[in-house]
């Protein structure tokens, strides 16, 4: 297994303005975000593929490749395989970062729908289904965006 230094909090640059910056992410996850984008990292978090050790294969014929490419696509999985193929890596769950990114997405979507004239009650119901959380949680996130 590769040792991972999680003490650094240097933000990674990201092309996705909606869910950046990547501060507070462990270095291995920041490296991954630099490689495939923060949005793809969020998709992997959402798919619950973090929080365990993975052996990154050198070929497309592995459980790792099938599971990860199903979530982020073959092109991004190929980039990871090219860089880390043959390595056994641990990707931390990053629960706090996941929630922070999810909340930013909720706020952006909330503001977008509100500007389109949707009622707050309707959009809270819609976002609660979209993000798999209660409408009261959507309300709390929207009312406390900081």
C-alpha atoms as a PDB file:
ATOM      1  CA  UNK A   1       0.000   0.000   0.000  1.00  0.00           C
ATOM      2  CA  UNK A   2       1.221   3.541  -0.773  1.00  0.00           C
ATOM      3  CA  UNK A   3       1.719   5.924   2.143  1.00  0.00           C
ATOM      4  CA  UNK A   4      -0.428   9.005   1.795  1.00  0.00           C
ATOM      5  CA  UNK A   5       0.372  12.350   3.391  1.00  0.00           C
ATOM      6  CA  UNK A   6      -2.949  13.862   4.405  1.00  0.00           C
ATOM      7  CA  UNK A   7      -1.489  16.791   6.350  1.00  0.00           C
ATOM      8  CA  UNK A   8      -1.244  19.222   3.420  1.00  0.00           C
ATOM      9  CA  UNK A   9      -4.178  21.558   2.809  1.00  0.00           C
ATOM     10  CA  UNK A  10      -2.942  23.196  -0.381  1.00  0.00           C
ATOM     11  CA  UNK A  11      -5.887  23.737  -2.738  1.00  0.00           C
ATOM     12  CA  UNK A  12      -5.808  22.036  -6.112  1.00  0.00           C
ATOM     13  CA  UNK A  13      -6.735  23.982  -9.206  1.00  0.00           C
ATOM     14  CA  UNK A  14      -9.912  22.780 -10.830  1.00  0.00           C
ATOM     15  CA  UNK A  15     -11.737  23.639 -14.018  1.00  0.00           C
ATOM     16  CA  UNK A  16     -15.101  23.037 -12.366  1.00  0.00           C
ATOM     17  CA  UNK A  17     -15.953  26.378 -10.701  1.00  0.00           C
ATOM     18  CA  UNK A  18     -19.147  25.092  -9.112  1.00  0.00           C
ATOM     19  CA  UNK A  19     -17.463  22.633  -6.760  1.00  0.00           C
ATOM     20  CA  UNK A  20     -13.960  23.990  -6.313  1.00  0.00           C
ATOM     21  CA  UNK A  21     -11.631  24.455  -4.477  1.00  0.00           C
ATOM     22  CA  UNK A  22     -10.392  21.067  -3.315  1.00  0.00           C
ATOM     23  CA  UNK A  23      -8.920  22.205  -0.010  1.00  0.00           C
ATOM     24  CA  UNK A  24      -9.018  19.774   2.880  1.00  0.00           C
ATOM     25  CA  UNK A  25      -8.725  16.793   0.565  1.00  0.00           C
ATOM     26  CA  UNK A  26      -5.959  14.287   1.288  1.00  0.00           C
ATOM     27  CA  UNK A  27      -3.043  14.564  -1.152  1.00  0.00           C
ATOM     28  CA  UNK A  28      -3.899  11.318  -2.971  1.00  0.00           C
ATOM     29  CA  UNK A  29      -7.419  12.616  -3.656  1.00  0.00           C
ATOM     30  CA  UNK A  30      -6.080  16.021  -4.774  1.00  0.00           C
ATOM     31  CA  UNK A  31      -3.745  14.197  -7.173  1.00  0.00           C
ATOM     32  CA  UNK A  32      -6.720  12.256  -8.492  1.00  0.00           C
ATOM     33  CA  UNK A  33      -8.720  15.496  -8.880  1.00  0.00           C
ATOM     34  CA  UNK A  34      -5.848  17.070 -10.819  1.00  0.00           C
ATOM     35  CA  UNK A  35      -5.834  14.027 -13.088  1.00  0.00           C
ATOM     36  CA  UNK A  36      -9.558  13.517 -13.771  1.00  0.00           C
ATOM     37  CA  UNK A  37     -11.296  16.615 -12.385  1.00  0.00           C
ATOM     38  CA  UNK A  38     -13.012  17.357  -9.096  1.00  0.00           C
ATOM     39  CA  UNK A  39     -16.448  16.561 -10.494  1.00  0.00           C
ATOM     40  CA  UNK A  40     -15.328  13.015 -11.370  1.00  0.00           C
ATOM     41  CA  UNK A  41     -13.851  12.626  -7.872  1.00  0.00           C
ATOM     42  CA  UNK A  42     -17.214  13.701  -6.456  1.00  0.00           C
ATOM     43  CA  UNK A  43     -18.913  11.061  -8.625  1.00  0.00           C
ATOM     44  CA  UNK A  44     -16.582   8.401  -7.200  1.00  0.00           C
ATOM     45  CA  UNK A  45     -17.383   9.604  -3.659  1.00  0.00           C
ATOM     46  CA  UNK A  46     -21.094   9.533  -4.456  1.00  0.00           C
ATOM     47  CA  UNK A  47     -20.752   5.965  -5.778  1.00  0.00           C
ATOM     48  CA  UNK A  48     -19.105   5.046  -2.454  1.00  0.00           C
ATOM     49  CA  UNK A  49     -15.925   3.807  -4.099  1.00  0.00           C
ATOM     50  CA  UNK A  50     -13.718   5.597  -1.575  1.00  0.00           C
ATOM     51  CA  UNK A  51     -12.906   4.387   1.915  1.00  0.00           C
ATOM     52  CA  UNK A  52     -11.186   1.188   0.845  1.00  0.00           C
ATOM     53  CA  UNK A  53      -8.000  -0.065  -0.701  1.00  0.00           C
ATOM     54  CA  UNK A  54      -7.924  -0.556  -4.489  1.00  0.00           C
ATOM     55  CA  UNK A  55      -5.397  -2.313  -6.672  1.00  0.00           C
ATOM     56  CA  UNK A  56      -5.320  -0.169  -9.789  1.00  0.00           C
ATOM     57  CA  UNK A  57      -5.017  -2.620 -12.640  1.00  0.00           C
ATOM     58  CA  UNK A  58      -2.792  -2.364 -15.678  1.00  0.00           C
ATOM     59  CA  UNK A  59      -5.520  -3.668 -17.970  1.00  0.00           C
ATOM     60  CA  UNK A  60      -9.212  -3.087 -18.568  1.00  0.00           C
ATOM     61  CA  UNK A  61     -10.013  -6.600 -17.338  1.00  0.00           C
ATOM     62  CA  UNK A  62     -10.444  -6.082 -13.596  1.00  0.00           C
ATOM     63  CA  UNK A  63     -13.044  -5.309 -10.979  1.00  0.00           C
ATOM     64  CA  UNK A  64     -11.343  -1.955 -10.330  1.00  0.00           C
ATOM     65  CA  UNK A  65     -11.574  -0.919 -13.974  1.00  0.00           C
ATOM     66  CA  UNK A  66     -15.184  -2.068 -14.379  1.00  0.00           C
ATOM     67  CA  UNK A  67     -16.407  -0.320 -11.233  1.00  0.00           C
ATOM     68  CA  UNK A  68     -14.530   2.947 -11.737  1.00  0.00           C
ATOM     69  CA  UNK A  69     -15.116   3.259 -15.503  1.00  0.00           C
ATOM     70  CA  UNK A  70     -18.847   2.674 -14.960  1.00  0.00           C
ATOM     71  CA  UNK A  71     -18.849   5.817 -12.810  1.00  0.00           C
ATOM     72  CA  UNK A  72     -16.318   8.144 -14.489  1.00  0.00           C
ATOM     73  CA  UNK A  73     -15.962   6.700 -17.976  1.00  0.00           C
ATOM     74  CA  UNK A  74     -13.217   4.777 -19.721  1.00  0.00           C
ATOM     75  CA  UNK A  75     -11.132   7.814 -20.705  1.00  0.00           C
ATOM     76  CA  UNK A  76     -10.683   8.928 -17.080  1.00  0.00           C
ATOM     77  CA  UNK A  77     -10.192   5.368 -15.821  1.00  0.00           C
ATOM     78  CA  UNK A  78      -7.496   4.931 -18.496  1.00  0.00           C
ATOM     79  CA  UNK A  79      -5.700   8.058 -17.212  1.00  0.00           C
ATOM     80  CA  UNK A  80      -5.683   6.620 -13.685  1.00  0.00           C
ATOM     81  CA  UNK A  81      -4.517   3.246 -14.964  1.00  0.00           C
ATOM     82  CA  UNK A  82      -1.678   4.867 -16.942  1.00  0.00           C
ATOM     83  CA  UNK A  83      -0.457   6.742 -13.849  1.00  0.00           C
ATOM     84  CA  UNK A  84      -1.102   4.257 -11.055  1.00  0.00           C
ATOM     85  CA  UNK A  85      -1.474   0.877 -12.803  1.00  0.00           C
ATOM     86  CA  UNK A  86      -0.104  -1.895 -10.585  1.00  0.00           C
ATOM     87  CA  UNK A  87      -0.291   0.227  -7.416  1.00  0.00           C
ATOM     88  CA  UNK A  88      -2.352  -0.612  -4.381  1.00  0.00           C
ATOM     89  CA  UNK A  89      -3.874   2.653  -3.136  1.00  0.00           C
ATOM     90  CA  UNK A  90      -6.173   3.733  -0.349  1.00  0.00           C
ATOM     91  CA  UNK A  91      -8.605   6.534  -1.186  1.00  0.00           C
ATOM     92  CA  UNK A  92     -10.071   8.012   2.026  1.00  0.00           C
ATOM     93  CA  UNK A  93     -13.848   8.527   2.175  1.00  0.00           C
ATOM     94  CA  UNK A  94     -13.495  12.315   2.532  1.00  0.00           C
ATOM     95  CA  UNK A  95     -16.916  12.596   4.176  1.00  0.00           C
ATOM     96  CA  UNK A  96     -16.597  16.272   5.153  1.00  0.00           C
ATOM     97  CA  UNK A  97     -15.395  17.271   1.677  1.00  0.00           C
ATOM     98  CA  UNK A  98     -18.165  15.209   0.071  1.00  0.00           C
ATOM     99  CA  UNK A  99     -20.810  17.023   2.133  1.00  0.00           C
ATOM    100  CA  UNK A 100     -19.263  20.421   1.415  1.00  0.00           C
ATOM    101  CA  UNK A 101     -19.216  19.737  -2.339  1.00  0.00           C
ATOM    102  CA  UNK A 102     -22.743  18.283  -2.258  1.00  0.00           C
ATOM    103  CA  UNK A 103     -24.015  21.341  -0.371  1.00  0.00           C
ATOM    104  CA  UNK A 104     -22.430  23.706  -2.907  1.00  0.00           C
ATOM    105  CA  UNK A 105     -24.174  21.780  -5.679  1.00  0.00           C
ATOM    106  CA  UNK A 106     -27.482  22.009  -3.798  1.00  0.00           C
ATOM    107  CA  UNK A 107     -27.107  25.768  -3.273  1.00  0.00           C
ATOM    108  CA  UNK A 108     -26.226  26.356  -6.935  1.00  0.00           C
ATOM    109  CA  UNK A 109     -29.183  24.249  -8.094  1.00  0.00           C
ATOM    110  CA  UNK A 110     -31.505  25.905  -5.548  1.00  0.00           C
ATOM    111  CA  UNK A 111     -30.521  29.397  -6.754  1.00  0.00           C
ATOM    112  CA  UNK A 112     -30.895  28.339 -10.392  1.00  0.00           C
ATOM    113  CA  UNK A 113     -34.399  26.926  -9.882  1.00  0.00           C
ATOM    114  CA  UNK A 114     -35.460  29.853  -7.719  1.00  0.00           C
ATOM    115  CA  UNK A 115     -34.387  32.298 -10.446  1.00  0.00           C
ATOM    116  CA  UNK A 116     -36.556  30.329 -12.893  1.00  0.00           C
ATOM    117  CA  UNK A 117     -39.589  31.038 -10.738  1.00  0.00           C
ATOM    118  CA  UNK A 118     -39.992  27.698  -8.985  1.00  0.00           C
ATOM    119  CA  UNK A 119     -41.537  27.930  -5.521  1.00  0.00           C
ATOM    120  CA  UNK A 120     -39.275  27.160  -2.577  1.00  0.00           C
ATOM    121  CA  UNK A 121     -41.541  24.338  -1.442  1.00  0.00           C
ATOM    122  CA  UNK A 122     -41.505  22.677  -4.873  1.00  0.00           C
ATOM    123  CA  UNK A 123     -37.783  23.026  -5.355  1.00  0.00           C
ATOM    124  CA  UNK A 124     -37.028  21.675  -1.848  1.00  0.00           C
ATOM    125  CA  UNK A 125     -39.111  18.573  -2.682  1.00  0.00           C
ATOM    126  CA  UNK A 126     -37.375  18.182  -6.030  1.00  0.00           C
ATOM    127  CA  UNK A 127     -33.872  18.640  -4.602  1.00  0.00           C
ATOM    128  CA  UNK A 128     -34.566  16.281  -1.713  1.00  0.00           C
ATOM    129  CA  UNK A 129     -35.335  13.525  -4.249  1.00  0.00           C
ATOM    130  CA  UNK A 130     -32.440  14.514  -6.526  1.00  0.00           C
ATOM    131  CA  UNK A 131     -29.862  14.396  -3.712  1.00  0.00           C
ATOM    132  CA  UNK A 132     -31.462  11.687  -1.561  1.00  0.00           C
ATOM    133  CA  UNK A 133     -31.936  13.889   1.514  1.00  0.00           C
ATOM    134  CA  UNK A 134     -34.933  15.303   3.368  1.00  0.00           C
ATOM    135  CA  UNK A 135     -36.575  18.542   2.316  1.00  0.00           C
ATOM    136  CA  UNK A 136     -35.785  19.985   5.752  1.00  0.00           C
ATOM    137  CA  UNK A 137     -32.078  19.308   5.095  1.00  0.00           C
ATOM    138  CA  UNK A 138     -32.340  21.101   1.740  1.00  0.00           C
ATOM    139  CA  UNK A 139     -34.000  24.029   3.546  1.00  0.00           C
ATOM    140  CA  UNK A 140     -31.246  24.129   6.185  1.00  0.00           C
ATOM    141  CA  UNK A 141     -28.503  24.048   3.532  1.00  0.00           C
ATOM    142  CA  UNK A 142     -30.196  26.774   1.449  1.00  0.00           C
ATOM    143  CA  UNK A 143     -30.760  28.996   4.504  1.00  0.00           C
ATOM    144  CA  UNK A 144     -27.153  28.590   5.751  1.00  0.00           C
ATOM    145  CA  UNK A 145     -25.038  28.608   2.579  1.00  0.00           C
ATOM    146  CA  UNK A 146     -21.797  29.597   4.387  1.00  0.00           C
END
